[in-house]
């Protein structure tokens, strides 16, 4: 099936926006990844529904892949004769026949975010769970590029954070290391899924998981020096995220940009973030592999506060989910 030996066997539970993006990301990097997807399960979608999504999804276009469904087995043909077979299921998560063969179950449904939800699965001493959402009672929250080298062997249920957590935490960690953060805040303009647009026609201020995860992960952030403003809008494109960091070190714009670009180019922020010279609008950043794409000519320094304006494709935060799993599988 593939010329590379892959030892980690994973299954996807839930084939919504995150699951679709993850499969696309995996197929585009199949030659360098260290794990195989052996099944996709969705309690609502049947196999025929899944293949329709793969062929007609509005955003995720699988240009180099051809799909064929027979006997609930999804055959995927890629260039150079590469071919994969993935079994499709429409079952309750606890009844899946291939669970005993798994190393990791990728919980992407958004339905199961509590550790107690996996009590029956964890009877299998081999399997571990990687949740594509925030979990408050997981064994560890692991943010790739921040603490991914600190995974404990005893951790069975792991959360990858969230799109906003991945956008903020490694960045704040770097800014603090270089300039010492006094306080910070984040402003998020977040999209919604396309299928919800018909019932959603106004702005909605909501709780953001970053509000709680930030202080939980970073020892220099707390409820007294950290604020998140999170607004959901009736729009299904790329989201916006703006950061402000007040720092203890007096800096100017030129000095900051020099340090910041170095971090993105070959430092702690490499392969996590990127920067564009001018604002060319949100949609050109669709499917970006960056947790945030910063706009250089919009960076400001005022009264020792750093202002950073960025775009992020929150649906494509699967890139950090993939990076984390690929690191584990090495």
C-alpha atoms as a PDB file:
ATOM      1  CA  UNK A   1       0.000   0.000   0.000  1.00  0.00           C
ATOM      2  CA  UNK A   2       2.843   2.385   0.782  1.00  0.00           C
ATOM      3  CA  UNK A   3       6.595   2.233   0.435  1.00  0.00           C
ATOM      4  CA  UNK A   4       7.123   3.724   3.913  1.00  0.00           C
ATOM      5  CA  UNK A   5       6.717   1.570   6.986  1.00  0.00           C
ATOM      6  CA  UNK A   6       4.289   3.173   9.423  1.00  0.00           C
ATOM      7  CA  UNK A   7       3.985   1.639  12.834  1.00  0.00           C
ATOM      8  CA  UNK A   8       1.272   3.746  14.469  1.00  0.00           C
ATOM      9  CA  UNK A   9      -2.320   2.762  13.680  1.00  0.00           C
ATOM     10  CA  UNK A  10      -4.960   5.431  14.190  1.00  0.00           C
ATOM     11  CA  UNK A  11      -8.697   5.714  13.665  1.00  0.00           C
ATOM     12  CA  UNK A  12     -10.796   8.864  13.267  1.00  0.00           C
ATOM     13  CA  UNK A  13     -14.057   9.241  15.174  1.00  0.00           C
ATOM     14  CA  UNK A  14     -16.151  12.058  13.730  1.00  0.00           C
ATOM     15  CA  UNK A  15     -15.954  13.320  10.165  1.00  0.00           C
ATOM     16  CA  UNK A  16     -17.073  16.914  10.500  1.00  0.00           C
ATOM     17  CA  UNK A  17     -15.018  19.941   9.459  1.00  0.00           C
ATOM     18  CA  UNK A  18     -12.003  18.951  11.533  1.00  0.00           C
ATOM     19  CA  UNK A  19     -11.988  15.358  10.303  1.00  0.00           C
ATOM     20  CA  UNK A  20     -12.265  16.377   6.657  1.00  0.00           C
ATOM     21  CA  UNK A  21      -9.407  18.866   6.979  1.00  0.00           C
ATOM     22  CA  UNK A  22      -7.288  16.311   8.825  1.00  0.00           C
ATOM     23  CA  UNK A  23      -7.692  13.713   6.075  1.00  0.00           C
ATOM     24  CA  UNK A  24      -6.769  16.296   3.435  1.00  0.00           C
ATOM     25  CA  UNK A  25      -3.709  17.365   5.429  1.00  0.00           C
ATOM     26  CA  UNK A  26      -2.631  13.740   5.937  1.00  0.00           C
ATOM     27  CA  UNK A  27      -2.988  12.817   2.263  1.00  0.00           C
ATOM     28  CA  UNK A  28      -0.979  15.849   1.164  1.00  0.00           C
ATOM     29  CA  UNK A  29       1.870  14.774   3.477  1.00  0.00           C
ATOM     30  CA  UNK A  30       1.480  11.007   3.262  1.00  0.00           C
ATOM     31  CA  UNK A  31       5.065  10.362   2.190  1.00  0.00           C
ATOM     32  CA  UNK A  32       6.524  11.985   5.318  1.00  0.00           C
ATOM     33  CA  UNK A  33       4.049  10.947   7.986  1.00  0.00           C
ATOM     34  CA  UNK A  34       4.621   8.122  10.448  1.00  0.00           C
ATOM     35  CA  UNK A  35       1.116   6.770  10.962  1.00  0.00           C
ATOM     36  CA  UNK A  36      -1.688   5.102   9.049  1.00  0.00           C
ATOM     37  CA  UNK A  37      -5.406   5.843   9.265  1.00  0.00           C
ATOM     38  CA  UNK A  38      -7.153   2.475   9.312  1.00  0.00           C
ATOM     39  CA  UNK A  39     -10.749   3.623   9.752  1.00  0.00           C
ATOM     40  CA  UNK A  40     -13.103   6.605   9.851  1.00  0.00           C
ATOM     41  CA  UNK A  41     -16.229   6.390  11.983  1.00  0.00           C
ATOM     42  CA  UNK A  42     -19.131   8.810  12.232  1.00  0.00           C
ATOM     43  CA  UNK A  43     -22.247   8.110  14.276  1.00  0.00           C
ATOM     44  CA  UNK A  44     -24.375  10.272  11.973  1.00  0.00           C
ATOM     45  CA  UNK A  45     -22.781  10.061   8.534  1.00  0.00           C
ATOM     46  CA  UNK A  46     -23.022   6.812   6.588  1.00  0.00           C
ATOM     47  CA  UNK A  47     -20.205   5.689   4.237  1.00  0.00           C
ATOM     48  CA  UNK A  48     -22.049   7.088   1.201  1.00  0.00           C
ATOM     49  CA  UNK A  49     -22.359  10.453   2.946  1.00  0.00           C
ATOM     50  CA  UNK A  50     -18.635  10.502   3.657  1.00  0.00           C
ATOM     51  CA  UNK A  51     -17.595   9.869   0.076  1.00  0.00           C
ATOM     52  CA  UNK A  52     -20.007  12.588  -1.117  1.00  0.00           C
ATOM     53  CA  UNK A  53     -18.283  15.029   1.229  1.00  0.00           C
ATOM     54  CA  UNK A  54     -14.865  14.021  -0.078  1.00  0.00           C
ATOM     55  CA  UNK A  55     -15.931  14.603  -3.662  1.00  0.00           C
ATOM     56  CA  UNK A  56     -17.996  17.764  -3.209  1.00  0.00           C
ATOM     57  CA  UNK A  57     -16.756  19.629  -0.136  1.00  0.00           C
ATOM     58  CA  UNK A  58     -16.867  23.403  -0.710  1.00  0.00           C
ATOM     59  CA  UNK A  59     -13.485  24.140   0.845  1.00  0.00           C
ATOM     60  CA  UNK A  60     -11.458  20.923   0.985  1.00  0.00           C
ATOM     61  CA  UNK A  61     -10.622  20.051  -2.609  1.00  0.00           C
ATOM     62  CA  UNK A  62      -8.765  16.759  -2.965  1.00  0.00           C
ATOM     63  CA  UNK A  63      -7.307  17.571  -6.376  1.00  0.00           C
ATOM     64  CA  UNK A  64      -4.701  14.798  -6.444  1.00  0.00           C
ATOM     65  CA  UNK A  65      -6.792  12.060  -4.865  1.00  0.00           C
ATOM     66  CA  UNK A  66      -9.361   9.737  -6.392  1.00  0.00           C
ATOM     67  CA  UNK A  67     -11.931   8.057  -4.166  1.00  0.00           C
ATOM     68  CA  UNK A  68     -13.832   4.816  -4.638  1.00  0.00           C
ATOM     69  CA  UNK A  69     -16.213   3.141  -2.200  1.00  0.00           C
ATOM     70  CA  UNK A  70     -16.950  -0.576  -2.177  1.00  0.00           C
ATOM     71  CA  UNK A  71     -18.243  -2.690   0.716  1.00  0.00           C
ATOM     72  CA  UNK A  72     -17.728   0.265   3.061  1.00  0.00           C
ATOM     73  CA  UNK A  73     -14.024   0.398   2.227  1.00  0.00           C
ATOM     74  CA  UNK A  74     -12.759   3.753   0.980  1.00  0.00           C
ATOM     75  CA  UNK A  75     -10.008   3.297  -1.623  1.00  0.00           C
ATOM     76  CA  UNK A  76      -7.816   6.351  -2.155  1.00  0.00           C
ATOM     77  CA  UNK A  77      -5.504   6.545  -5.147  1.00  0.00           C
ATOM     78  CA  UNK A  78      -2.755   9.173  -5.183  1.00  0.00           C
ATOM     79  CA  UNK A  79      -0.139  10.129  -7.797  1.00  0.00           C
ATOM     80  CA  UNK A  80       2.770   7.719  -8.372  1.00  0.00           C
ATOM     81  CA  UNK A  81       0.475   4.773  -7.754  1.00  0.00           C
ATOM     82  CA  UNK A  82       0.156   5.333  -3.996  1.00  0.00           C
ATOM     83  CA  UNK A  83      -3.001   3.730  -2.661  1.00  0.00           C
ATOM     84  CA  UNK A  84      -4.698   3.533   0.721  1.00  0.00           C
ATOM     85  CA  UNK A  85      -7.713   1.667   2.001  1.00  0.00           C
ATOM     86  CA  UNK A  86      -9.689   3.025   4.943  1.00  0.00           C
ATOM     87  CA  UNK A  87     -12.668   1.262   6.450  1.00  0.00           C
ATOM     88  CA  UNK A  88     -15.747   3.424   7.005  1.00  0.00           C
ATOM     89  CA  UNK A  89     -18.148   2.854   9.894  1.00  0.00           C
ATOM     90  CA  UNK A  90     -21.439   4.336  11.037  1.00  0.00           C
ATOM     91  CA  UNK A  91     -21.456   2.978  14.589  1.00  0.00           C
ATOM     92  CA  UNK A  92     -21.406   3.956  18.240  1.00  0.00           C
ATOM     93  CA  UNK A  93     -17.823   4.540  19.243  1.00  0.00           C
ATOM     94  CA  UNK A  94     -17.747   1.660  21.765  1.00  0.00           C
ATOM     95  CA  UNK A  95     -18.900  -0.923  19.220  1.00  0.00           C
ATOM     96  CA  UNK A  96     -16.153  -0.389  16.636  1.00  0.00           C
ATOM     97  CA  UNK A  97     -14.553  -3.721  15.671  1.00  0.00           C
ATOM     98  CA  UNK A  98     -11.042  -2.343  15.067  1.00  0.00           C
ATOM     99  CA  UNK A  99     -10.490  -0.617  18.409  1.00  0.00           C
ATOM    100  CA  UNK A 100      -8.206  -3.386  19.670  1.00  0.00           C
ATOM    101  CA  UNK A 101      -5.837  -2.769  16.753  1.00  0.00           C
ATOM    102  CA  UNK A 102      -5.496   0.966  17.433  1.00  0.00           C
ATOM    103  CA  UNK A 103      -2.642   2.859  19.007  1.00  0.00           C
ATOM    104  CA  UNK A 104      -4.535   6.159  18.964  1.00  0.00           C
ATOM    105  CA  UNK A 105      -8.180   7.036  18.545  1.00  0.00           C
ATOM    106  CA  UNK A 106      -8.484  10.529  17.072  1.00  0.00           C
ATOM    107  CA  UNK A 107     -11.600  11.974  18.688  1.00  0.00           C
ATOM    108  CA  UNK A 108     -12.703  14.600  16.146  1.00  0.00           C
ATOM    109  CA  UNK A 109     -16.467  14.606  16.631  1.00  0.00           C
ATOM    110  CA  UNK A 110     -16.505  17.379  19.236  1.00  0.00           C
ATOM    111  CA  UNK A 111     -18.935  15.217  21.176  1.00  0.00           C
ATOM    112  CA  UNK A 112     -16.558  13.532  23.598  1.00  0.00           C
ATOM    113  CA  UNK A 113     -14.299  15.965  25.467  1.00  0.00           C
ATOM    114  CA  UNK A 114     -14.408  14.472  28.968  1.00  0.00           C
ATOM    115  CA  UNK A 115     -12.109  11.665  30.075  1.00  0.00           C
ATOM    116  CA  UNK A 116     -15.021   9.780  31.600  1.00  0.00           C
ATOM    117  CA  UNK A 117     -16.496   9.472  28.097  1.00  0.00           C
ATOM    118  CA  UNK A 118     -13.701   7.038  27.239  1.00  0.00           C
ATOM    119  CA  UNK A 119     -13.979   4.818  30.308  1.00  0.00           C
ATOM    120  CA  UNK A 120     -15.012   1.745  28.304  1.00  0.00           C
ATOM    121  CA  UNK A 121     -12.343   2.313  25.662  1.00  0.00           C
ATOM    122  CA  UNK A 122      -9.514   2.733  28.158  1.00  0.00           C
ATOM    123  CA  UNK A 123     -10.061  -0.812  29.408  1.00  0.00           C
ATOM    124  CA  UNK A 124      -7.898  -1.607  26.382  1.00  0.00           C
ATOM    125  CA  UNK A 125      -4.473  -0.877  27.914  1.00  0.00           C
ATOM    126  CA  UNK A 126      -2.904  -0.176  24.508  1.00  0.00           C
ATOM    127  CA  UNK A 127      -5.178   2.507  23.106  1.00  0.00           C
ATOM    128  CA  UNK A 128      -4.738   6.238  23.735  1.00  0.00           C
ATOM    129  CA  UNK A 129      -7.058   9.115  22.846  1.00  0.00           C
ATOM    130  CA  UNK A 130      -6.087  12.373  21.110  1.00  0.00           C
ATOM    131  CA  UNK A 131      -8.926  14.919  21.370  1.00  0.00           C
ATOM    132  CA  UNK A 132      -9.247  17.608  18.704  1.00  0.00           C
ATOM    133  CA  UNK A 133     -10.748  20.028  21.207  1.00  0.00           C
ATOM    134  CA  UNK A 134     -10.213  21.398  24.685  1.00  0.00           C
ATOM    135  CA  UNK A 135     -10.680  18.919  27.504  1.00  0.00           C
ATOM    136  CA  UNK A 136     -10.653  20.109  31.106  1.00  0.00           C
ATOM    137  CA  UNK A 137     -10.087  16.689  32.674  1.00  0.00           C
ATOM    138  CA  UNK A 138      -7.666  15.121  30.179  1.00  0.00           C
ATOM    139  CA  UNK A 139      -4.351  13.692  31.389  1.00  0.00           C
ATOM    140  CA  UNK A 140      -2.429  16.393  29.536  1.00  0.00           C
ATOM    141  CA  UNK A 141      -3.030  19.317  27.197  1.00  0.00           C
ATOM    142  CA  UNK A 142      -0.199  19.197  24.690  1.00  0.00           C
ATOM    143  CA  UNK A 143       0.381  22.175  22.402  1.00  0.00           C
ATOM    144  CA  UNK A 144       2.783  21.403  19.575  1.00  0.00           C
ATOM    145  CA  UNK A 145       5.660  23.866  19.574  1.00  0.00           C
ATOM    146  CA  UNK A 146       5.266  24.547  23.280  1.00  0.00           C
ATOM    147  CA  UNK A 147       5.252  21.405  25.438  1.00  0.00           C
ATOM    148  CA  UNK A 148       5.045  18.505  22.956  1.00  0.00           C
ATOM    149  CA  UNK A 149       8.348  17.073  24.201  1.00  0.00           C
ATOM    150  CA  UNK A 150       6.839  16.688  27.660  1.00  0.00           C
ATOM    151  CA  UNK A 151       4.255  14.000  26.915  1.00  0.00           C
ATOM    152  CA  UNK A 152       4.096  11.466  29.736  1.00  0.00           C
ATOM    153  CA  UNK A 153       3.981   7.779  28.926  1.00  0.00           C
ATOM    154  CA  UNK A 154       1.189   7.420  31.449  1.00  0.00           C
ATOM    155  CA  UNK A 155      -1.076   9.936  29.678  1.00  0.00           C
ATOM    156  CA  UNK A 156      -3.916   8.075  28.004  1.00  0.00           C
ATOM    157  CA  UNK A 157      -6.211  10.990  27.112  1.00  0.00           C
ATOM    158  CA  UNK A 158      -4.546  14.027  25.513  1.00  0.00           C
ATOM    159  CA  UNK A 159      -6.039  17.290  24.245  1.00  0.00           C
ATOM    160  CA  UNK A 160      -4.248  19.196  21.503  1.00  0.00           C
ATOM    161  CA  UNK A 161      -5.668  22.473  22.863  1.00  0.00           C
ATOM    162  CA  UNK A 162      -7.767  24.422  20.362  1.00  0.00           C
ATOM    163  CA  UNK A 163      -7.259  26.737  17.392  1.00  0.00           C
ATOM    164  CA  UNK A 164      -6.917  29.798  19.630  1.00  0.00           C
ATOM    165  CA  UNK A 165      -4.733  27.977  22.166  1.00  0.00           C
ATOM    166  CA  UNK A 166      -2.335  26.928  19.410  1.00  0.00           C
ATOM    167  CA  UNK A 167      -2.337  30.486  18.049  1.00  0.00           C
ATOM    168  CA  UNK A 168      -1.565  32.150  21.391  1.00  0.00           C
ATOM    169  CA  UNK A 169       0.448  29.846  23.672  1.00  0.00           C
ATOM    170  CA  UNK A 170       3.701  29.268  21.701  1.00  0.00           C
ATOM    171  CA  UNK A 171       3.675  32.943  20.648  1.00  0.00           C
ATOM    172  CA  UNK A 172       3.192  34.245  24.193  1.00  0.00           C
ATOM    173  CA  UNK A 173       5.860  31.854  25.456  1.00  0.00           C
ATOM    174  CA  UNK A 174       8.334  33.297  22.945  1.00  0.00           C
ATOM    175  CA  UNK A 175       7.420  36.944  23.643  1.00  0.00           C
ATOM    176  CA  UNK A 176       7.791  36.328  27.363  1.00  0.00           C
ATOM    177  CA  UNK A 177      11.167  34.663  26.897  1.00  0.00           C
ATOM    178  CA  UNK A 178      12.483  37.610  24.909  1.00  0.00           C
ATOM    179  CA  UNK A 179      10.770  40.590  26.557  1.00  0.00           C
ATOM    180  CA  UNK A 180       8.955  39.468  29.756  1.00  0.00           C
ATOM    181  CA  UNK A 181       5.176  39.899  29.513  1.00  0.00           C
ATOM    182  CA  UNK A 182       3.412  42.091  32.082  1.00  0.00           C
ATOM    183  CA  UNK A 183      -0.088  41.611  30.680  1.00  0.00           C
ATOM    184  CA  UNK A 184      -1.742  40.633  27.411  1.00  0.00           C
ATOM    185  CA  UNK A 185      -5.060  40.353  25.654  1.00  0.00           C
ATOM    186  CA  UNK A 186      -6.427  38.681  22.553  1.00  0.00           C
ATOM    187  CA  UNK A 187      -9.251  39.721  20.246  1.00  0.00           C
ATOM    188  CA  UNK A 188     -10.764  36.972  18.084  1.00  0.00           C
ATOM    189  CA  UNK A 189     -13.233  37.357  15.197  1.00  0.00           C
ATOM    190  CA  UNK A 190     -14.230  33.751  14.602  1.00  0.00           C
ATOM    191  CA  UNK A 191     -16.155  32.143  11.757  1.00  0.00           C
ATOM    192  CA  UNK A 192     -18.847  29.468  11.952  1.00  0.00           C
ATOM    193  CA  UNK A 193     -19.469  26.347   9.902  1.00  0.00           C
ATOM    194  CA  UNK A 194     -21.171  26.798   6.544  1.00  0.00           C
ATOM    195  CA  UNK A 195     -24.129  24.593   7.430  1.00  0.00           C
ATOM    196  CA  UNK A 196     -25.001  26.896  10.354  1.00  0.00           C
ATOM    197  CA  UNK A 197     -25.145  30.097   8.306  1.00  0.00           C
ATOM    198  CA  UNK A 198     -28.847  29.874   7.495  1.00  0.00           C
ATOM    199  CA  UNK A 199     -29.712  29.988  11.216  1.00  0.00           C
ATOM    200  CA  UNK A 200     -27.075  32.495  12.243  1.00  0.00           C
ATOM    201  CA  UNK A 201     -27.426  36.144  11.276  1.00  0.00           C
ATOM    202  CA  UNK A 202     -25.938  38.193  14.078  1.00  0.00           C
ATOM    203  CA  UNK A 203     -22.779  38.679  16.140  1.00  0.00           C
ATOM    204  CA  UNK A 204     -22.351  36.558  19.234  1.00  0.00           C
ATOM    205  CA  UNK A 205     -19.885  37.130  22.061  1.00  0.00           C
ATOM    206  CA  UNK A 206     -18.869  33.798  23.580  1.00  0.00           C
ATOM    207  CA  UNK A 207     -16.528  32.158  26.056  1.00  0.00           C
ATOM    208  CA  UNK A 208     -13.211  31.142  24.480  1.00  0.00           C
ATOM    209  CA  UNK A 209     -11.333  28.086  25.731  1.00  0.00           C
ATOM    210  CA  UNK A 210      -8.139  30.145  25.585  1.00  0.00           C
ATOM    211  CA  UNK A 211      -9.399  32.177  28.563  1.00  0.00           C
ATOM    212  CA  UNK A 212      -8.950  29.143  30.806  1.00  0.00           C
ATOM    213  CA  UNK A 213      -6.273  27.206  28.907  1.00  0.00           C
ATOM    214  CA  UNK A 214      -3.859  30.144  28.726  1.00  0.00           C
ATOM    215  CA  UNK A 215      -3.449  30.474  32.511  1.00  0.00           C
ATOM    216  CA  UNK A 216      -3.433  26.690  32.881  1.00  0.00           C
ATOM    217  CA  UNK A 217      -0.483  26.308  30.503  1.00  0.00           C
ATOM    218  CA  UNK A 218       1.553  29.485  31.051  1.00  0.00           C
ATOM    219  CA  UNK A 219       2.851  30.419  34.492  1.00  0.00           C
ATOM    220  CA  UNK A 220       3.115  34.131  33.605  1.00  0.00           C
ATOM    221  CA  UNK A 221      -0.550  34.421  32.572  1.00  0.00           C
ATOM    222  CA  UNK A 222      -3.442  34.670  35.024  1.00  0.00           C
ATOM    223  CA  UNK A 223      -6.980  36.051  35.313  1.00  0.00           C
ATOM    224  CA  UNK A 224      -5.644  39.415  36.451  1.00  0.00           C
ATOM    225  CA  UNK A 225      -3.328  40.102  33.499  1.00  0.00           C
ATOM    226  CA  UNK A 226      -4.994  38.271  30.619  1.00  0.00           C
ATOM    227  CA  UNK A 227      -8.204  38.968  28.676  1.00  0.00           C
ATOM    228  CA  UNK A 228      -9.792  37.294  25.653  1.00  0.00           C
ATOM    229  CA  UNK A 229     -12.541  38.934  23.580  1.00  0.00           C
ATOM    230  CA  UNK A 230     -14.162  36.287  21.395  1.00  0.00           C
ATOM    231  CA  UNK A 231     -16.835  37.143  18.820  1.00  0.00           C
ATOM    232  CA  UNK A 232     -18.467  34.690  16.427  1.00  0.00           C
ATOM    233  CA  UNK A 233     -19.738  36.167  13.161  1.00  0.00           C
ATOM    234  CA  UNK A 234     -22.004  34.810  10.377  1.00  0.00           C
ATOM    235  CA  UNK A 235     -19.148  34.098   7.971  1.00  0.00           C
ATOM    236  CA  UNK A 236     -17.468  30.834   6.962  1.00  0.00           C
ATOM    237  CA  UNK A 237     -14.063  32.083   5.792  1.00  0.00           C
ATOM    238  CA  UNK A 238     -10.719  32.672   7.500  1.00  0.00           C
ATOM    239  CA  UNK A 239     -10.843  34.099  11.028  1.00  0.00           C
ATOM    240  CA  UNK A 240      -8.939  37.044  12.522  1.00  0.00           C
ATOM    241  CA  UNK A 241      -6.896  37.179  15.712  1.00  0.00           C
ATOM    242  CA  UNK A 242      -5.150  40.226  17.178  1.00  0.00           C
ATOM    243  CA  UNK A 243      -2.704  40.196  20.084  1.00  0.00           C
ATOM    244  CA  UNK A 244      -1.455  42.798  22.537  1.00  0.00           C
ATOM    245  CA  UNK A 245       1.493  42.168  24.849  1.00  0.00           C
ATOM    246  CA  UNK A 246       2.696  44.751  27.356  1.00  0.00           C
ATOM    247  CA  UNK A 247       6.286  43.876  28.164  1.00  0.00           C
ATOM    248  CA  UNK A 248       8.787  44.766  30.835  1.00  0.00           C
ATOM    249  CA  UNK A 249      11.589  45.561  28.417  1.00  0.00           C
ATOM    250  CA  UNK A 250      11.651  48.890  26.608  1.00  0.00           C
ATOM    251  CA  UNK A 251      11.743  48.222  22.853  1.00  0.00           C
ATOM    252  CA  UNK A 252      11.222  49.937  19.521  1.00  0.00           C
ATOM    253  CA  UNK A 253       9.576  48.614  16.390  1.00  0.00           C
ATOM    254  CA  UNK A 254      12.791  47.888  14.510  1.00  0.00           C
ATOM    255  CA  UNK A 255      14.281  45.964  17.403  1.00  0.00           C
ATOM    256  CA  UNK A 256      11.127  43.924  17.923  1.00  0.00           C
ATOM    257  CA  UNK A 257      10.722  43.005  14.254  1.00  0.00           C
ATOM    258  CA  UNK A 258      14.332  41.849  14.103  1.00  0.00           C
ATOM    259  CA  UNK A 259      13.851  39.503  17.067  1.00  0.00           C
ATOM    260  CA  UNK A 260      10.375  38.397  15.954  1.00  0.00           C
ATOM    261  CA  UNK A 261      11.402  37.572  12.386  1.00  0.00           C
ATOM    262  CA  UNK A 262      14.381  35.615  13.680  1.00  0.00           C
ATOM    263  CA  UNK A 263      12.061  33.540  15.843  1.00  0.00           C
ATOM    264  CA  UNK A 264       9.791  32.800  12.872  1.00  0.00           C
ATOM    265  CA  UNK A 265      12.672  32.139  10.465  1.00  0.00           C
ATOM    266  CA  UNK A 266      14.815  29.771  12.503  1.00  0.00           C
ATOM    267  CA  UNK A 267      13.877  30.071  16.173  1.00  0.00           C
ATOM    268  CA  UNK A 268      11.150  28.839  18.522  1.00  0.00           C
ATOM    269  CA  UNK A 269       8.378  29.986  16.167  1.00  0.00           C
ATOM    270  CA  UNK A 270       9.699  28.231  13.049  1.00  0.00           C
ATOM    271  CA  UNK A 271       7.066  26.187  11.189  1.00  0.00           C
ATOM    272  CA  UNK A 272       4.403  27.465  13.600  1.00  0.00           C
ATOM    273  CA  UNK A 273       3.857  31.049  12.406  1.00  0.00           C
ATOM    274  CA  UNK A 274       4.477  33.163   9.336  1.00  0.00           C
ATOM    275  CA  UNK A 275       4.472  36.830   8.366  1.00  0.00           C
ATOM    276  CA  UNK A 276       3.327  38.692   5.268  1.00  0.00           C
ATOM    277  CA  UNK A 277       4.407  42.215   4.377  1.00  0.00           C
ATOM    278  CA  UNK A 278       0.975  43.708   3.670  1.00  0.00           C
ATOM    279  CA  UNK A 279      -2.625  42.849   4.445  1.00  0.00           C
ATOM    280  CA  UNK A 280      -4.009  41.086   1.376  1.00  0.00           C
ATOM    281  CA  UNK A 281      -7.267  40.000   3.005  1.00  0.00           C
ATOM    282  CA  UNK A 282      -8.302  36.835   4.822  1.00  0.00           C
ATOM    283  CA  UNK A 283      -9.074  34.385   2.038  1.00  0.00           C
ATOM    284  CA  UNK A 284      -5.523  34.113   0.665  1.00  0.00           C
ATOM    285  CA  UNK A 285      -4.695  32.472   3.997  1.00  0.00           C
ATOM    286  CA  UNK A 286      -7.089  29.581   3.521  1.00  0.00           C
ATOM    287  CA  UNK A 287      -5.357  26.288   4.340  1.00  0.00           C
ATOM    288  CA  UNK A 288      -2.357  28.081   5.783  1.00  0.00           C
ATOM    289  CA  UNK A 289      -0.062  25.787   7.740  1.00  0.00           C
ATOM    290  CA  UNK A 290       0.583  28.641  10.198  1.00  0.00           C
ATOM    291  CA  UNK A 291      -1.163  28.931  13.548  1.00  0.00           C
ATOM    292  CA  UNK A 292      -1.260  32.676  12.815  1.00  0.00           C
ATOM    293  CA  UNK A 293      -0.217  34.744   9.794  1.00  0.00           C
ATOM    294  CA  UNK A 294       1.033  38.146  10.987  1.00  0.00           C
ATOM    295  CA  UNK A 295       0.889  41.364   8.970  1.00  0.00           C
ATOM    296  CA  UNK A 296       4.264  43.094   9.154  1.00  0.00           C
ATOM    297  CA  UNK A 297       3.240  46.651   8.262  1.00  0.00           C
ATOM    298  CA  UNK A 298       0.453  46.482  10.883  1.00  0.00           C
ATOM    299  CA  UNK A 299       2.793  45.692  13.792  1.00  0.00           C
ATOM    300  CA  UNK A 300       2.879  48.531  16.323  1.00  0.00           C
ATOM    301  CA  UNK A 301       4.756  49.344  19.514  1.00  0.00           C
ATOM    302  CA  UNK A 302       3.019  51.787  21.888  1.00  0.00           C
ATOM    303  CA  UNK A 303       4.001  52.417  25.498  1.00  0.00           C
ATOM    304  CA  UNK A 304       5.876  49.120  25.680  1.00  0.00           C
ATOM    305  CA  UNK A 305       2.877  47.268  24.272  1.00  0.00           C
ATOM    306  CA  UNK A 306       3.305  45.085  21.177  1.00  0.00           C
ATOM    307  CA  UNK A 307       0.306  44.975  18.816  1.00  0.00           C
ATOM    308  CA  UNK A 308       0.153  42.074  16.364  1.00  0.00           C
ATOM    309  CA  UNK A 309      -2.621  41.623  13.794  1.00  0.00           C
ATOM    310  CA  UNK A 310      -3.087  38.228  12.170  1.00  0.00           C
ATOM    311  CA  UNK A 311      -5.304  35.819  10.264  1.00  0.00           C
ATOM    312  CA  UNK A 312      -5.785  32.168  11.129  1.00  0.00           C
ATOM    313  CA  UNK A 313      -7.672  29.390   9.423  1.00  0.00           C
ATOM    314  CA  UNK A 314      -9.231  27.877  12.527  1.00  0.00           C
ATOM    315  CA  UNK A 315     -10.584  24.847  10.651  1.00  0.00           C
ATOM    316  CA  UNK A 316      -7.080  24.137   9.441  1.00  0.00           C
ATOM    317  CA  UNK A 317      -5.639  24.126  12.944  1.00  0.00           C
ATOM    318  CA  UNK A 318      -5.495  20.418  12.148  1.00  0.00           C
ATOM    319  CA  UNK A 319      -1.923  21.224  11.102  1.00  0.00           C
ATOM    320  CA  UNK A 320      -0.863  21.336  14.778  1.00  0.00           C
ATOM    321  CA  UNK A 321      -2.994  18.261  15.526  1.00  0.00           C
ATOM    322  CA  UNK A 322      -1.185  16.442  12.711  1.00  0.00           C
ATOM    323  CA  UNK A 323       2.219  17.711  13.869  1.00  0.00           C
ATOM    324  CA  UNK A 324       1.546  16.457  17.379  1.00  0.00           C
ATOM    325  CA  UNK A 325       0.447  13.017  16.230  1.00  0.00           C
ATOM    326  CA  UNK A 326       3.337  12.741  13.801  1.00  0.00           C
ATOM    327  CA  UNK A 327       5.763  13.643  16.592  1.00  0.00           C
ATOM    328  CA  UNK A 328       4.222  10.996  18.850  1.00  0.00           C
ATOM    329  CA  UNK A 329       4.427   8.386  16.107  1.00  0.00           C
ATOM    330  CA  UNK A 330       8.172   8.902  15.696  1.00  0.00           C
END
